[in-house]
N, C-alpha and C. Protein backbone atom coordinates (compact mmCIF):
# COMPACT_ATOMS: atom_id res chain seq x y z
N MET A 1 105.96 85.29 120.16
CA MET A 1 106.35 86.67 120.30
C MET A 1 105.43 87.55 119.46
N ALA A 2 104.94 88.60 120.05
CA ALA A 2 104.01 89.51 119.39
C ALA A 2 104.75 90.44 118.45
N GLY A 3 104.02 90.92 117.46
CA GLY A 3 104.51 91.99 116.61
C GLY A 3 103.74 93.25 116.94
N ILE A 4 104.42 94.38 116.94
CA ILE A 4 103.79 95.66 117.26
C ILE A 4 103.67 96.50 116.00
N VAL A 5 102.48 97.06 115.78
CA VAL A 5 102.24 98.02 114.71
C VAL A 5 101.79 99.30 115.38
N LEU A 6 102.60 100.36 115.25
CA LEU A 6 102.28 101.66 115.85
C LEU A 6 101.64 102.53 114.78
N ILE A 7 100.52 103.16 115.16
CA ILE A 7 99.78 104.02 114.23
C ILE A 7 99.63 105.38 114.89
N THR A 8 100.23 106.39 114.26
CA THR A 8 100.23 107.73 114.83
C THR A 8 99.69 108.74 113.82
N GLY A 9 99.44 109.92 114.29
CA GLY A 9 98.93 111.00 113.45
C GLY A 9 98.20 111.99 114.31
N GLY A 10 97.60 112.98 113.67
CA GLY A 10 96.86 114.01 114.39
C GLY A 10 95.50 113.51 114.83
N CYS A 11 94.84 114.33 115.63
CA CYS A 11 93.48 114.02 116.08
C CYS A 11 92.55 113.94 114.88
N ARG A 12 91.68 112.95 114.87
CA ARG A 12 90.68 112.73 113.82
C ARG A 12 91.32 112.50 112.45
N SER A 13 92.49 111.92 112.43
CA SER A 13 93.17 111.65 111.16
C SER A 13 92.83 110.29 110.59
N GLY A 14 92.05 109.48 111.31
CA GLY A 14 91.67 108.16 110.84
C GLY A 14 92.50 107.04 111.43
N LYS A 15 93.25 107.32 112.48
CA LYS A 15 94.14 106.32 113.09
C LYS A 15 93.39 105.09 113.59
N SER A 16 92.35 105.31 114.37
CA SER A 16 91.62 104.18 114.96
C SER A 16 90.93 103.35 113.90
N ARG A 17 90.34 104.00 112.92
CA ARG A 17 89.67 103.28 111.82
C ARG A 17 90.69 102.42 111.08
N PHE A 18 91.85 103.00 110.76
CA PHE A 18 92.90 102.27 110.06
C PHE A 18 93.40 101.10 110.90
N ALA A 19 93.62 101.33 112.18
CA ALA A 19 94.08 100.26 113.07
C ALA A 19 93.06 99.12 113.13
N LEU A 20 91.79 99.47 113.21
CA LEU A 20 90.73 98.47 113.26
C LEU A 20 90.69 97.65 111.97
N GLU A 21 90.82 98.32 110.84
CA GLU A 21 90.84 97.61 109.56
C GLU A 21 92.02 96.65 109.47
N LYS A 22 93.21 97.13 109.86
CA LYS A 22 94.40 96.27 109.83
C LYS A 22 94.24 95.08 110.77
N ALA A 23 93.75 95.34 111.98
CA ALA A 23 93.60 94.28 112.96
C ALA A 23 92.54 93.26 112.53
N ASN A 24 91.47 93.75 111.92
CA ASN A 24 90.42 92.84 111.45
C ASN A 24 90.89 91.93 110.32
N SER A 25 91.96 92.30 109.65
CA SER A 25 92.47 91.47 108.54
C SER A 25 93.29 90.28 109.03
N ILE A 26 93.52 90.20 110.33
CA ILE A 26 94.33 89.12 110.90
C ILE A 26 93.41 88.18 111.67
N GLU A 27 93.60 86.90 111.49
CA GLU A 27 92.80 85.92 112.21
C GLU A 27 93.24 85.85 113.67
N GLY A 28 92.28 85.59 114.52
CA GLY A 28 92.54 85.46 115.94
C GLY A 28 91.46 86.15 116.75
N LYS A 29 91.36 85.78 118.01
CA LYS A 29 90.41 86.42 118.92
C LYS A 29 90.82 87.88 119.07
N LYS A 30 89.85 88.77 119.04
CA LYS A 30 90.12 90.21 119.03
C LYS A 30 89.82 90.84 120.40
N PHE A 31 90.78 91.65 120.86
CA PHE A 31 90.63 92.39 122.10
C PHE A 31 90.94 93.86 121.85
N PHE A 32 90.04 94.72 122.31
CA PHE A 32 90.23 96.17 122.21
C PHE A 32 90.56 96.67 123.60
N LEU A 33 91.76 97.19 123.77
CA LEU A 33 92.23 97.70 125.05
C LEU A 33 92.06 99.22 125.05
N ALA A 34 91.06 99.69 125.79
CA ALA A 34 90.69 101.10 125.81
C ALA A 34 91.27 101.78 127.04
N THR A 35 91.93 102.91 126.82
CA THR A 35 92.53 103.66 127.93
C THR A 35 91.72 104.89 128.31
N CYS A 36 90.63 105.14 127.61
CA CYS A 36 89.84 106.36 127.81
C CYS A 36 89.01 106.30 129.08
N PRO A 37 89.19 107.25 129.98
CA PRO A 37 88.33 107.28 131.16
C PRO A 37 86.93 107.78 130.81
N ARG A 38 85.96 107.30 131.52
CA ARG A 38 84.56 107.74 131.33
C ARG A 38 84.35 108.96 132.21
N VAL A 39 84.52 110.14 131.61
CA VAL A 39 84.51 111.36 132.41
C VAL A 39 83.21 112.15 132.36
N ASP A 40 82.41 111.96 131.30
CA ASP A 40 81.15 112.69 131.19
C ASP A 40 80.23 111.99 130.19
N SER A 41 79.03 112.51 130.02
CA SER A 41 78.04 111.86 129.17
C SER A 41 78.46 111.87 127.70
N GLU A 42 79.12 112.93 127.25
CA GLU A 42 79.58 112.98 125.85
C GLU A 42 80.61 111.88 125.60
N MET A 43 81.54 111.68 126.52
CA MET A 43 82.55 110.64 126.37
C MET A 43 81.90 109.27 126.46
N GLU A 44 80.93 109.12 127.33
CA GLU A 44 80.20 107.85 127.43
C GLU A 44 79.53 107.51 126.10
N GLU A 45 78.93 108.51 125.46
CA GLU A 45 78.29 108.31 124.16
C GLU A 45 79.31 107.90 123.09
N ARG A 46 80.47 108.55 123.10
CA ARG A 46 81.54 108.19 122.15
C ARG A 46 81.97 106.74 122.35
N ILE A 47 82.18 106.36 123.60
CA ILE A 47 82.62 105.01 123.92
C ILE A 47 81.60 103.99 123.41
N GLN A 48 80.34 104.25 123.67
CA GLN A 48 79.29 103.32 123.22
C GLN A 48 79.24 103.24 121.70
N ARG A 49 79.39 104.36 121.01
CA ARG A 49 79.38 104.37 119.55
C ARG A 49 80.55 103.54 119.01
N HIS A 50 81.71 103.72 119.61
CA HIS A 50 82.89 102.96 119.15
C HIS A 50 82.72 101.47 119.44
N GLN A 51 82.12 101.12 120.54
CA GLN A 51 81.90 99.71 120.85
C GLN A 51 80.96 99.06 119.83
N ARG A 52 79.96 99.80 119.38
CA ARG A 52 79.05 99.26 118.36
C ARG A 52 79.78 99.02 117.03
N GLU A 53 80.84 99.79 116.77
CA GLU A 53 81.61 99.64 115.54
C GLU A 53 82.50 98.40 115.59
N ARG A 54 82.76 97.89 116.77
CA ARG A 54 83.69 96.77 116.94
C ARG A 54 82.94 95.48 117.24
N ILE A 55 82.21 95.01 116.27
CA ILE A 55 81.49 93.75 116.42
C ILE A 55 82.54 92.63 116.50
N ASN A 56 82.30 91.66 117.35
CA ASN A 56 83.19 90.51 117.54
C ASN A 56 84.51 90.88 118.23
N TRP A 57 84.54 91.99 118.92
CA TRP A 57 85.70 92.39 119.70
C TRP A 57 85.32 92.38 121.17
N ASP A 58 86.21 91.88 122.02
CA ASP A 58 86.05 92.00 123.47
C ASP A 58 86.75 93.29 123.89
N THR A 59 86.06 94.12 124.65
CA THR A 59 86.64 95.38 125.11
C THR A 59 87.13 95.24 126.54
N ILE A 60 88.35 95.69 126.76
CA ILE A 60 88.94 95.74 128.09
C ILE A 60 89.26 97.21 128.35
N GLU A 61 88.73 97.74 129.44
CA GLU A 61 89.00 99.13 129.80
C GLU A 61 90.03 99.15 130.92
N GLU A 62 91.14 99.79 130.65
CA GLU A 62 92.20 99.94 131.66
C GLU A 62 92.91 101.26 131.40
N GLU A 63 92.89 102.13 132.38
CA GLU A 63 93.44 103.46 132.21
C GLU A 63 94.95 103.54 132.43
N THR A 64 95.53 102.70 133.27
CA THR A 64 96.95 102.84 133.60
C THR A 64 97.76 101.55 133.58
N GLU A 65 97.23 100.46 134.10
CA GLU A 65 98.01 99.23 134.29
C GLU A 65 97.91 98.31 133.06
N LEU A 66 98.54 98.71 131.98
CA LEU A 66 98.39 98.00 130.71
C LEU A 66 99.13 96.66 130.69
N SER A 67 100.27 96.56 131.36
CA SER A 67 101.02 95.30 131.35
C SER A 67 100.19 94.14 131.89
N SER A 68 99.44 94.40 132.94
CA SER A 68 98.65 93.32 133.56
C SER A 68 97.59 92.79 132.59
N VAL A 69 97.11 93.62 131.69
CA VAL A 69 96.12 93.18 130.72
C VAL A 69 96.71 92.11 129.81
N PHE A 70 97.95 92.31 129.38
CA PHE A 70 98.58 91.36 128.46
C PHE A 70 98.86 90.02 129.14
N ASP A 71 98.90 90.00 130.46
CA ASP A 71 99.06 88.73 131.18
C ASP A 71 97.82 87.86 131.08
N SER A 72 96.67 88.49 130.85
CA SER A 72 95.41 87.74 130.86
C SER A 72 94.84 87.48 129.46
N ILE A 73 95.47 88.00 128.42
CA ILE A 73 94.95 87.81 127.07
C ILE A 73 95.45 86.47 126.53
N PRO A 74 94.54 85.66 125.97
CA PRO A 74 94.94 84.34 125.45
C PRO A 74 95.96 84.45 124.31
N SER A 75 96.73 83.40 124.16
CA SER A 75 97.73 83.38 123.10
C SER A 75 97.06 83.44 121.73
N ASP A 76 97.80 83.87 120.75
CA ASP A 76 97.34 83.99 119.37
C ASP A 76 96.16 84.95 119.21
N SER A 77 96.05 85.95 120.10
CA SER A 77 95.01 86.96 120.00
C SER A 77 95.55 88.19 119.28
N VAL A 78 94.63 89.01 118.81
CA VAL A 78 94.96 90.28 118.19
C VAL A 78 94.46 91.37 119.13
N VAL A 79 95.33 92.33 119.44
CA VAL A 79 94.99 93.38 120.39
C VAL A 79 95.11 94.73 119.69
N LEU A 80 94.13 95.59 119.95
CA LEU A 80 94.21 96.98 119.51
C LEU A 80 94.20 97.84 120.77
N LEU A 81 95.31 98.51 121.04
CA LEU A 81 95.45 99.38 122.20
C LEU A 81 95.19 100.81 121.73
N ASP A 82 94.12 101.41 122.23
CA ASP A 82 93.72 102.76 121.80
C ASP A 82 93.42 103.59 123.03
N CYS A 83 94.29 104.44 123.48
CA CYS A 83 95.50 104.90 122.83
C CYS A 83 96.55 105.28 123.86
N LEU A 84 97.79 105.40 123.38
CA LEU A 84 98.88 105.80 124.25
C LEU A 84 98.72 107.24 124.73
N SER A 85 98.11 108.07 123.92
CA SER A 85 97.94 109.49 124.28
C SER A 85 97.14 109.64 125.56
N LEU A 86 96.03 108.90 125.66
CA LEU A 86 95.22 108.94 126.88
C LEU A 86 95.92 108.22 128.03
N TRP A 87 96.67 107.18 127.72
CA TRP A 87 97.42 106.46 128.76
C TRP A 87 98.40 107.40 129.46
N ILE A 88 99.17 108.16 128.67
CA ILE A 88 100.12 109.12 129.25
C ILE A 88 99.36 110.17 130.06
N ASN A 89 98.24 110.66 129.52
CA ASN A 89 97.40 111.61 130.25
C ASN A 89 96.97 111.02 131.59
N ASN A 90 96.52 109.77 131.58
CA ASN A 90 96.06 109.11 132.79
C ASN A 90 97.19 108.94 133.80
N LEU A 91 98.38 108.56 133.31
CA LEU A 91 99.53 108.42 134.21
C LEU A 91 99.87 109.77 134.86
N MET A 92 99.84 110.83 134.07
CA MET A 92 100.11 112.17 134.62
C MET A 92 99.06 112.56 135.64
N TYR A 93 97.80 112.30 135.32
CA TYR A 93 96.70 112.65 136.22
C TYR A 93 96.85 111.95 137.57
N HIS A 94 97.12 110.65 137.53
CA HIS A 94 97.26 109.89 138.78
C HIS A 94 98.51 110.31 139.55
N ALA A 95 99.59 110.60 138.84
CA ALA A 95 100.80 111.07 139.51
C ALA A 95 100.55 112.43 140.17
N ASN A 96 99.92 113.34 139.44
CA ASN A 96 99.64 114.66 139.99
C ASN A 96 98.73 114.58 141.21
N GLY A 97 97.81 113.61 141.21
CA GLY A 97 96.94 113.41 142.37
C GLY A 97 97.70 112.98 143.62
N LYS A 98 98.91 112.45 143.41
CA LYS A 98 99.77 112.04 144.52
C LYS A 98 100.91 113.03 144.72
N ASN A 99 100.80 114.20 144.08
CA ASN A 99 101.85 115.24 144.13
C ASN A 99 103.19 114.74 143.62
N LEU A 100 103.14 113.88 142.60
CA LEU A 100 104.35 113.37 141.97
C LEU A 100 104.49 114.00 140.58
N TYR A 101 105.72 114.09 140.13
CA TYR A 101 106.02 114.66 138.81
C TYR A 101 106.70 113.58 137.99
N LEU A 102 106.11 113.20 136.86
CA LEU A 102 106.70 112.18 136.00
C LEU A 102 107.81 112.79 135.15
N THR A 103 108.93 112.11 135.10
CA THR A 103 110.05 112.60 134.29
C THR A 103 110.10 111.85 132.96
N GLU A 104 110.83 112.41 132.03
CA GLU A 104 111.00 111.75 130.73
C GLU A 104 111.67 110.39 130.92
N GLU A 105 112.62 110.30 131.85
CA GLU A 105 113.30 109.03 132.10
C GLU A 105 112.34 107.98 132.64
N GLN A 106 111.43 108.39 133.53
CA GLN A 106 110.44 107.45 134.08
C GLN A 106 109.51 106.95 132.97
N ILE A 107 109.07 107.86 132.11
CA ILE A 107 108.17 107.46 131.02
C ILE A 107 108.88 106.56 130.04
N LYS A 108 110.12 106.88 129.70
CA LYS A 108 110.89 106.02 128.79
C LYS A 108 111.03 104.63 129.37
N ASP A 109 111.34 104.54 130.65
CA ASP A 109 111.49 103.25 131.31
C ASP A 109 110.15 102.50 131.36
N THR A 110 109.08 103.19 131.71
CA THR A 110 107.75 102.58 131.76
C THR A 110 107.34 102.07 130.38
N CYS A 111 107.57 102.87 129.35
CA CYS A 111 107.20 102.48 127.98
C CYS A 111 108.06 101.33 127.48
N THR A 112 109.33 101.36 127.80
CA THR A 112 110.23 100.27 127.38
C THR A 112 109.79 98.96 128.03
N LYS A 113 109.47 99.00 129.31
CA LYS A 113 109.02 97.79 130.00
C LYS A 113 107.70 97.28 129.44
N LEU A 114 106.75 98.20 129.18
CA LEU A 114 105.48 97.77 128.61
C LEU A 114 105.69 97.21 127.21
N GLY A 115 106.47 97.89 126.40
CA GLY A 115 106.73 97.41 125.05
C GLY A 115 107.38 96.04 125.04
N GLN A 116 108.36 95.83 125.90
CA GLN A 116 109.02 94.53 125.97
C GLN A 116 108.06 93.47 126.48
N HIS A 117 107.21 93.84 127.42
CA HIS A 117 106.20 92.91 127.94
C HIS A 117 105.25 92.49 126.81
N ILE A 118 104.86 93.45 125.98
CA ILE A 118 104.00 93.13 124.83
C ILE A 118 104.72 92.20 123.87
N LEU A 119 105.97 92.52 123.55
CA LEU A 119 106.74 91.68 122.63
C LEU A 119 106.92 90.27 123.16
N ASP A 120 107.06 90.14 124.46
CA ASP A 120 107.24 88.81 125.07
C ASP A 120 105.93 88.06 125.25
N SER A 121 104.81 88.73 125.07
CA SER A 121 103.52 88.08 125.26
C SER A 121 103.25 87.10 124.12
N GLN A 122 102.23 86.31 124.31
CA GLN A 122 101.87 85.31 123.31
C GLN A 122 100.84 85.82 122.31
N THR A 123 100.55 87.13 122.37
CA THR A 123 99.60 87.68 121.41
C THR A 123 100.20 87.63 120.02
N LYS A 124 99.36 87.53 119.03
CA LYS A 124 99.80 87.44 117.64
C LYS A 124 100.27 88.79 117.13
N SER A 125 99.42 89.79 117.27
CA SER A 125 99.72 91.13 116.80
C SER A 125 99.10 92.14 117.74
N VAL A 126 99.81 93.24 117.95
CA VAL A 126 99.31 94.33 118.79
C VAL A 126 99.39 95.61 117.98
N PHE A 127 98.23 96.22 117.76
CA PHE A 127 98.13 97.49 117.05
C PHE A 127 97.98 98.57 118.11
N ILE A 128 98.84 99.57 118.07
CA ILE A 128 98.85 100.62 119.09
C ILE A 128 98.61 101.97 118.41
N VAL A 129 97.60 102.68 118.90
CA VAL A 129 97.25 103.99 118.37
C VAL A 129 97.78 105.06 119.32
N THR A 130 98.29 106.15 118.74
CA THR A 130 98.76 107.28 119.53
C THR A 130 98.60 108.55 118.71
N ASN A 131 98.62 109.68 119.40
CA ASN A 131 98.56 110.97 118.72
C ASN A 131 99.95 111.55 118.58
N GLU A 132 100.17 112.22 117.48
CA GLU A 132 101.40 112.98 117.28
C GLU A 132 101.08 114.42 117.63
N VAL A 133 101.49 114.85 118.83
CA VAL A 133 101.14 116.19 119.30
C VAL A 133 102.28 117.18 119.17
N GLY A 134 103.43 116.75 118.74
CA GLY A 134 104.59 117.63 118.68
C GLY A 134 104.71 118.45 117.42
N MET A 135 103.70 118.43 116.58
CA MET A 135 103.78 119.16 115.31
C MET A 135 103.00 120.48 115.33
N GLY A 136 102.41 120.79 116.47
CA GLY A 136 101.57 121.98 116.56
C GLY A 136 102.23 123.08 117.36
N LEU A 137 101.42 123.88 117.95
CA LEU A 137 101.88 124.99 118.76
C LEU A 137 102.52 124.49 120.04
N VAL A 138 103.42 125.29 120.59
CA VAL A 138 103.99 124.98 121.89
C VAL A 138 102.91 125.25 122.93
N PRO A 139 102.59 124.25 123.76
CA PRO A 139 101.53 124.46 124.76
C PRO A 139 101.84 125.65 125.68
N GLU A 140 100.79 126.32 126.08
CA GLU A 140 100.92 127.53 126.90
C GLU A 140 101.31 127.23 128.34
N THR A 141 100.87 126.07 128.87
CA THR A 141 101.09 125.76 130.27
C THR A 141 102.24 124.78 130.46
N LYS A 142 102.79 124.78 131.66
CA LYS A 142 103.84 123.84 132.03
C LYS A 142 103.35 122.40 131.88
N GLU A 143 102.11 122.14 132.33
CA GLU A 143 101.54 120.79 132.25
C GLU A 143 101.34 120.37 130.81
N GLY A 144 100.93 121.30 129.96
CA GLY A 144 100.76 121.02 128.55
C GLY A 144 102.07 120.67 127.87
N ARG A 145 103.13 121.41 128.22
CA ARG A 145 104.46 121.12 127.65
C ARG A 145 104.99 119.79 128.17
N GLN A 146 104.73 119.50 129.45
CA GLN A 146 105.15 118.23 130.02
C GLN A 146 104.45 117.08 129.30
N TYR A 147 103.15 117.23 129.08
CA TYR A 147 102.40 116.18 128.38
C TYR A 147 102.96 115.96 126.98
N ARG A 148 103.17 117.04 126.24
CA ARG A 148 103.72 116.93 124.88
C ARG A 148 105.06 116.20 124.91
N ASP A 149 105.92 116.57 125.85
CA ASP A 149 107.24 115.96 125.94
C ASP A 149 107.17 114.49 126.32
N LEU A 150 106.34 114.15 127.31
CA LEU A 150 106.22 112.76 127.75
C LEU A 150 105.61 111.88 126.67
N LEU A 151 104.60 112.39 125.98
CA LEU A 151 104.02 111.61 124.89
C LEU A 151 105.01 111.44 123.76
N GLY A 152 105.80 112.46 123.48
CA GLY A 152 106.85 112.34 122.45
C GLY A 152 107.85 111.25 122.79
N ILE A 153 108.26 111.19 124.05
CA ILE A 153 109.19 110.13 124.50
C ILE A 153 108.52 108.76 124.38
N CYS A 154 107.26 108.69 124.78
CA CYS A 154 106.50 107.44 124.68
C CYS A 154 106.42 106.98 123.22
N ASN A 155 106.05 107.88 122.33
CA ASN A 155 105.93 107.53 120.91
C ASN A 155 107.27 107.09 120.33
N GLN A 156 108.35 107.78 120.67
CA GLN A 156 109.66 107.38 120.18
C GLN A 156 110.05 105.99 120.67
N THR A 157 109.73 105.71 121.93
CA THR A 157 110.06 104.41 122.50
C THR A 157 109.31 103.30 121.79
N PHE A 158 107.99 103.48 121.61
CA PHE A 158 107.21 102.44 120.94
C PHE A 158 107.55 102.32 119.46
N SER A 159 107.90 103.41 118.80
CA SER A 159 108.27 103.31 117.38
C SER A 159 109.57 102.53 117.23
N SER A 160 110.46 102.64 118.21
CA SER A 160 111.72 101.88 118.12
C SER A 160 111.48 100.38 118.31
N LEU A 161 110.43 100.02 119.04
CA LEU A 161 110.12 98.61 119.30
C LEU A 161 109.20 98.01 118.24
N ALA A 162 108.52 98.86 117.48
CA ALA A 162 107.51 98.40 116.53
C ALA A 162 108.12 97.77 115.29
N ASN A 163 107.42 96.78 114.76
CA ASN A 163 107.80 96.18 113.48
C ASN A 163 107.39 97.10 112.33
N GLU A 164 106.23 97.74 112.51
CA GLU A 164 105.71 98.66 111.49
C GLU A 164 105.23 99.93 112.19
N VAL A 165 105.38 101.07 111.50
CA VAL A 165 104.85 102.34 111.98
C VAL A 165 104.17 103.03 110.81
N TYR A 166 102.95 103.52 111.07
CA TYR A 166 102.19 104.26 110.08
C TYR A 166 101.87 105.64 110.63
N PHE A 167 101.92 106.64 109.73
CA PHE A 167 101.52 108.01 110.05
C PHE A 167 100.32 108.33 109.20
N LEU A 168 99.22 108.77 109.84
CA LEU A 168 98.01 109.08 109.09
C LEU A 168 97.83 110.58 108.96
N VAL A 169 97.50 110.99 107.74
CA VAL A 169 97.20 112.39 107.44
C VAL A 169 95.90 112.40 106.66
N SER A 170 94.88 113.07 107.19
CA SER A 170 93.59 113.19 106.52
C SER A 170 93.05 111.85 106.04
N GLY A 171 93.21 110.83 106.86
CA GLY A 171 92.70 109.50 106.53
C GLY A 171 93.60 108.67 105.63
N ILE A 172 94.73 109.23 105.24
CA ILE A 172 95.64 108.52 104.34
C ILE A 172 96.82 107.98 105.14
N PRO A 173 97.01 106.65 105.15
CA PRO A 173 98.15 106.07 105.87
C PRO A 173 99.44 106.16 105.06
N ILE A 174 100.50 106.55 105.74
CA ILE A 174 101.83 106.58 105.15
C ILE A 174 102.71 105.66 105.99
N ARG A 175 103.23 104.62 105.38
CA ARG A 175 104.09 103.69 106.12
C ARG A 175 105.47 104.34 106.26
N ILE A 176 105.93 104.44 107.50
CA ILE A 176 107.24 105.04 107.74
C ILE A 176 108.25 104.05 108.32
N LYS A 177 107.77 102.87 108.74
CA LYS A 177 108.67 101.81 109.20
C LYS A 177 108.02 100.48 108.92
N PRO A 178 108.65 99.51 108.31
CA PRO A 178 109.91 99.74 107.62
C PRO A 178 109.69 100.66 106.44
N SER A 179 110.67 101.46 106.16
CA SER A 179 110.51 102.42 105.07
C SER A 179 110.51 101.69 103.74
N LEU A 180 109.84 102.29 102.80
CA LEU A 180 109.80 101.73 101.44
C LEU A 180 111.16 101.92 100.80
N ASP A 181 111.64 100.91 100.13
CA ASP A 181 112.91 101.01 99.42
C ASP A 181 112.61 101.46 97.99
N ILE A 182 112.81 102.74 97.75
CA ILE A 182 112.53 103.30 96.44
C ILE A 182 113.85 103.66 95.78
N SER A 183 114.19 102.92 94.79
CA SER A 183 115.44 103.18 94.03
C SER A 183 115.11 104.00 92.81
N LEU A 184 115.84 105.05 92.60
CA LEU A 184 115.63 105.89 91.42
C LEU A 184 116.68 105.60 90.37
């Protein structure tokens, strides 16, 4: 049974670097599960730069069907899924292309199934990166508010399934689950 470590925070807060450091500290074959679509040359350059940073990692690119990836990963492997934020974006994009509207209930169900699938997998540890987007301004557009809400539901679902949760602020990790027992 896999253990899940959820790492959240704002954009450029050091989440991916922290996740990579934590994952590298565990023995096992390493897999990086990337959800980022290759949309332009700038994104392509970012992807290549990040791949160079992950020596000895196998990269798997999958924008939407994450459960199927865990079916093919060997047992006792370490997985870094980066990131749920783009995964939700990709799910919305594909749904909108089919004139479908994703509901909070659908996302909660999808995330619960994926999370349980991960927990039931034979992977050793799964580090999951996501953005915390609910701490800023209310998005101006309906689609922006839907994205914020769906990602919030996704993050809540995965945090409830995770063994550990970290929140990063300016490169500093704060462990929020399990919480530290501080007796005064």
